[in-house]
Amino acid sequence: MPIGTNSSTLDTDDQRMEGTSGSQSVSLGPQSAALARLSYVLITPARNEVAFIENTIKAVVAQTLRPVKWVIVSDGSTDGTDEIVTKYTADNPWIELMRMPERRERNFAGKVHAFNAGYARMSDLDHDVMGNLDADITFDEEYFEFLLRKFAENPRLGVAGTPFQDKSVQYDYRIVSDQHVSGACQLFRRECFEEIGGYMPSKAGGIDLLAVTSARMKGWQTRAFLEKSFVHHREMGSAKHGTLHSAFNGGQVDYLLGCDPVWQFCRCIYRLVALRPVVLNGSLCLVGYLWAIVTRAKKVAPPELVRFRRREERRRLLDLFKRALPWGSMRTSSQCH
């Protein structure tokens, strides 16, 4: 089971839940009148997810706070995914299956196009938060209630999510910033999503990172809340290729998305021992990054986003070094007393 927070820790004297249907919303007290009612919608691009999607549907149906609408976009599925979704739409009219024609090429830009097609179905729906949800994850029944309360508490929160549990990857939040929100489940405040212009259709991937970084560049706060997590049932990078190819490709993508060279070098050194296969994972990631430089690959991220990301990474690297050095630890300790 994902790490959860007991419902009693989420309830306060000035908060209450209303309704039990797909149009449920969170109500808060008079001190948050501007955010008195929050509703959300979900979009799930799905391509041949027969092995996982039913459990994802069950997890959403079981939520204490259901979405106003959930559009599952079958992106040319041929394996029975559509039939599984259809089985649940009869008893849950807030779930809609949208079919798209089969396409030969599989890339992340195609996923963005599928997402956009699904979100277009929401144009006439009143909602405050929209979520991009993968078809191979599960979570506890209070997951979305928990995240919507975070939006209600902080009007500058633009993107929210939680860590994930995965067989092949576990983020170390001593290194990874909790400002990054995993693309497998990202919730956006509607105004934030519109301000950043939605997802950037990058064939190389990294659409989640581009969106979250763009939100911070626009002045929004982004946060992965560590109190909960979801389970990612397919190993990251295994949808098309194996682990070693994913490490090399990941290094290339890091360059395309504007990762700072010094940050990337330090990150790959860390991956030498932190990720399996030991040594090979970090080495191939660095080789992929250097290969993209040598071949003069064209960056996907716009120049202003690259500059913003590199400033963030240099600040984080400096903070990490300060914490690691003895006098940095002493300084931090003295500030706490």
Foldseek 3Di string as FASTA:
>chain_A
DWQADDVVVVDDPFWDWDDQAQFTWTAGHPVLVVPRTAAEEEEEEDAQPVVAQLQAVVQQNLASHHHQAYEYEHAQHDNCPVVSQVVPCVVRVRYHYHYDHHDDDDFQLSVQVSRVVRVVVCPPPDGFKYKYAYRHKHFHRHQVVVVVVVCSVDVLAFKEAAAEDAPFDDDDCVQDPQQQHDNNMMMGGPVLCVVLPHFDSDRLDPRSVLSSLSSVVVPGGGGHDHSIYMYGYDHPPPPPDDQLVCLLSQLLLCVLQQPDPVLLLVVLVVCCPPGPPHNSSSVSSPVSVVVCVVVVPHHPHDPVSNVSNHVVSVVSVVLSVLCPDPVSVVVVVVVVD
